[in-house]
Protein backbone atom coordinates (compact mmCIF):
# COMPACT_ATOMS: atom_id res chain seq x y z
CA UNK A 1 13.24 21.96 49.92
CA UNK A 2 14.17 22.35 46.30
CA UNK A 3 12.66 25.13 44.25
CA UNK A 4 11.96 24.24 40.63
CA UNK A 5 10.43 27.56 39.65
CA UNK A 6 13.44 28.51 37.51
CA UNK A 7 13.67 25.11 35.76
CA UNK A 8 11.93 24.17 32.51
CA UNK A 9 9.92 26.28 30.11
CA UNK A 10 6.33 26.89 29.15
CA UNK A 11 4.89 25.21 26.07
CA UNK A 12 4.61 27.56 23.08
CA UNK A 13 1.19 26.20 22.16
CA UNK A 14 -1.23 29.06 22.95
CA UNK A 15 -3.87 26.75 24.44
CA UNK A 16 -1.45 24.68 26.56
CA UNK A 17 1.16 26.92 28.16
CA UNK A 18 2.07 24.03 30.47
CA UNK A 19 5.39 24.29 32.26
CA UNK A 20 7.54 21.32 31.32
CA UNK A 21 10.77 20.41 33.13
CA UNK A 22 12.11 18.73 30.00
CA UNK A 23 10.88 20.93 27.15
CA UNK A 24 11.68 20.08 23.54
CA UNK A 25 12.71 22.55 20.88
CA UNK A 26 11.26 22.11 17.40
CA UNK A 27 13.98 21.98 14.76
CA UNK A 28 11.58 23.45 12.18
CA UNK A 29 10.22 26.57 13.89
CA UNK A 30 12.65 26.74 16.87
CA UNK A 31 9.86 27.06 19.45
CA UNK A 32 9.75 25.17 22.77
CA UNK A 33 6.98 22.60 23.33
CA UNK A 34 5.88 20.11 25.95
CA UNK A 35 5.94 16.37 25.29
CA UNK A 36 2.31 16.45 24.08
CA UNK A 37 2.91 19.13 21.40
CA UNK A 38 6.47 18.56 20.18
CA UNK A 39 5.43 16.63 17.04
CA UNK A 40 5.12 18.71 13.85
CA UNK A 41 1.48 17.73 13.38
CA UNK A 42 0.55 18.57 16.97
CA UNK A 43 1.62 22.21 16.81
CA UNK A 44 1.00 22.74 13.06
CA UNK A 45 4.62 23.55 12.34
CA UNK A 46 4.89 25.57 9.10
CA UNK A 47 8.44 24.37 8.33
CA UNK A 48 8.43 21.01 10.13
CA UNK A 49 8.52 18.22 7.60
CA UNK A 50 9.34 20.53 4.70
CA UNK A 51 12.63 21.57 6.33
CA UNK A 52 13.71 17.97 6.78
CA UNK A 53 12.22 16.57 3.58
CA UNK A 54 15.08 15.97 1.16
CA UNK A 55 13.75 14.36 -2.00
CA UNK A 56 15.56 13.82 -5.26
CA UNK A 57 14.79 12.49 -8.69
CA UNK A 58 17.30 10.44 -10.64
CA UNK A 59 17.96 11.76 -14.13
CA UNK A 60 17.37 8.98 -16.69
CA UNK A 61 20.07 10.40 -18.99
CA UNK A 62 23.02 10.99 -16.67
CA UNK A 63 21.95 9.02 -13.56
CA UNK A 64 22.59 12.07 -11.39
CA UNK A 65 20.46 12.85 -8.31
CA UNK A 66 18.58 16.14 -8.81
CA UNK A 67 17.09 17.80 -5.68
CA UNK A 68 13.30 18.09 -5.77
CA UNK A 69 12.11 21.13 -3.75
CA UNK A 70 8.82 20.73 -1.88
CA UNK A 71 5.75 21.54 -3.96
CA UNK A 72 7.48 21.54 -7.37
CA UNK A 73 6.65 19.31 -10.31
CA UNK A 74 9.10 16.49 -11.04
CA UNK A 75 8.93 17.02 -14.81
CA UNK A 76 9.67 20.74 -14.51
CA UNK A 77 12.68 20.07 -12.26
CA UNK A 78 13.98 17.42 -14.65
CA UNK A 79 13.53 19.67 -17.71
CA UNK A 80 15.40 22.48 -15.93
CA UNK A 81 18.20 20.03 -15.11
CA UNK A 82 18.41 18.80 -18.71
CA UNK A 83 18.50 22.37 -20.05
CA UNK A 84 21.07 23.59 -17.49
CA UNK A 85 24.03 21.85 -19.11
CA UNK A 86 24.79 19.75 -16.03
CA UNK A 87 23.12 16.75 -17.62
CA UNK A 88 25.75 14.83 -19.55
CA UNK A 89 25.01 11.28 -20.66
CA UNK A 90 27.78 8.84 -19.72
CA UNK A 91 30.39 8.00 -22.29
CA UNK A 92 30.27 4.74 -24.18
CA UNK A 93 30.83 1.66 -22.08
CA UNK A 94 34.47 0.54 -21.84
CA UNK A 95 35.57 -2.28 -24.08
CA UNK A 96 34.65 -5.74 -22.86
CA UNK A 97 37.40 -7.64 -21.07
CA UNK A 98 39.09 -10.28 -23.21
CA UNK A 99 38.12 -13.89 -22.66
CA UNK A 100 40.11 -17.08 -22.71
CA UNK A 101 40.48 -18.32 -26.35
CA UNK A 102 40.07 -22.01 -25.45
CA UNK A 103 36.83 -23.36 -26.95
CA UNK A 104 34.11 -23.64 -24.28
CA UNK A 105 35.91 -21.45 -21.72
CA UNK A 106 34.08 -18.26 -20.72
CA UNK A 107 36.64 -16.99 -18.19
CA UNK A 108 37.39 -13.25 -18.37
CA UNK A 109 41.10 -12.49 -18.49
CA UNK A 110 42.20 -10.10 -15.74
CA UNK A 111 45.56 -9.20 -14.24
CA UNK A 112 45.29 -12.00 -11.69
CA UNK A 113 44.17 -14.91 -13.84
CA UNK A 114 46.11 -14.32 -17.08
CA UNK A 115 48.87 -16.58 -18.34
CA UNK A 116 51.01 -15.96 -21.46
CA UNK A 117 52.16 -19.19 -23.05
CA UNK A 118 55.84 -18.98 -24.04
CA UNK A 119 55.50 -21.53 -26.82
CA UNK A 120 52.42 -20.44 -28.77
CA UNK A 121 52.23 -16.86 -27.43
CA UNK A 122 48.53 -17.20 -26.55
CA UNK A 123 47.07 -15.43 -23.54
CA UNK A 124 44.91 -17.91 -21.64
CA UNK A 125 43.32 -18.22 -18.20
CA UNK A 126 45.01 -20.01 -15.32
CA UNK A 127 42.87 -23.13 -15.84
CA UNK A 128 44.39 -23.58 -19.31
CA UNK A 129 47.99 -22.57 -18.56
CA UNK A 130 49.36 -26.01 -19.30
CA UNK A 131 50.23 -26.74 -22.93
CA UNK A 132 48.02 -29.79 -23.24
CA UNK A 133 44.92 -27.90 -21.99
CA UNK A 134 44.95 -25.03 -24.48
CA UNK A 135 45.92 -26.87 -27.67
CA UNK A 136 49.35 -25.29 -27.85
CA UNK A 137 50.58 -25.62 -31.48
CA UNK A 138 54.24 -25.47 -30.46
CA UNK A 139 53.76 -28.31 -27.96
CA UNK A 140 51.80 -30.35 -30.50
CA UNK A 141 54.52 -29.81 -33.10
CA UNK A 142 57.19 -30.91 -30.58
CA UNK A 143 55.28 -34.13 -29.92
CA UNK A 144 55.05 -34.80 -33.66
CA UNK A 145 58.80 -34.23 -34.11
CA UNK A 146 59.48 -36.63 -31.26
CA UNK A 147 57.37 -39.34 -32.86
CA UNK A 148 59.03 -38.74 -36.23
CA UNK A 149 62.48 -38.82 -34.72
CA UNK A 150 63.04 -35.05 -34.53
CA UNK A 151 65.54 -33.44 -32.11
CA UNK A 152 64.22 -35.38 -29.16
CA UNK A 153 64.34 -38.61 -31.17
CA UNK A 154 67.99 -37.94 -32.06
CA UNK A 155 68.88 -37.69 -28.39
CA UNK A 156 67.22 -41.03 -27.72
CA UNK A 157 69.06 -42.64 -30.66
CA UNK A 158 72.41 -41.30 -29.42
CA UNK A 159 71.69 -42.59 -25.90
CA UNK A 160 70.86 -46.02 -27.26
CA UNK A 161 74.11 -46.12 -29.29
CA UNK A 162 76.13 -45.05 -26.23
CA UNK A 163 74.65 -47.87 -24.17
CA UNK A 164 75.54 -50.41 -26.86
CA UNK A 165 79.14 -49.21 -26.93
CA UNK A 166 79.45 -49.55 -23.17
CA UNK A 167 78.30 -53.19 -23.29
């Protein structure tokens, strides 16, 4: 037959003293208790919840978490934090990202969606990368020259004259 006299431990509660084969050790006071007394409230643990209670307050100036010890006033802890020199308000917000200059477009220009037009030298979003979608002045001027008979019109006139000579 098995002897279990050397297994387990007695409960540290003075009124219980029951021998438990699977005793539990309190992480607050480090005493051994049975399953009925292992909760902090059951054995009136002096350190129990206080040892595991980690509360903080968030500083409204620097948004830093400040530890709040048990039993201390939040305002006193915050005032000590503000006076300690660790409280530094954040610097001014970074400049807003540029937006697409096309009227009605609200797209923010980032590294991935930016296009530099070679003709008018505008920086636009990818939706407006084509010359006719962002009112490119260089493209518009080229169309006007073509209709007036500019460089493109001269090419067409020369082509027409070459076709007449061939006939």
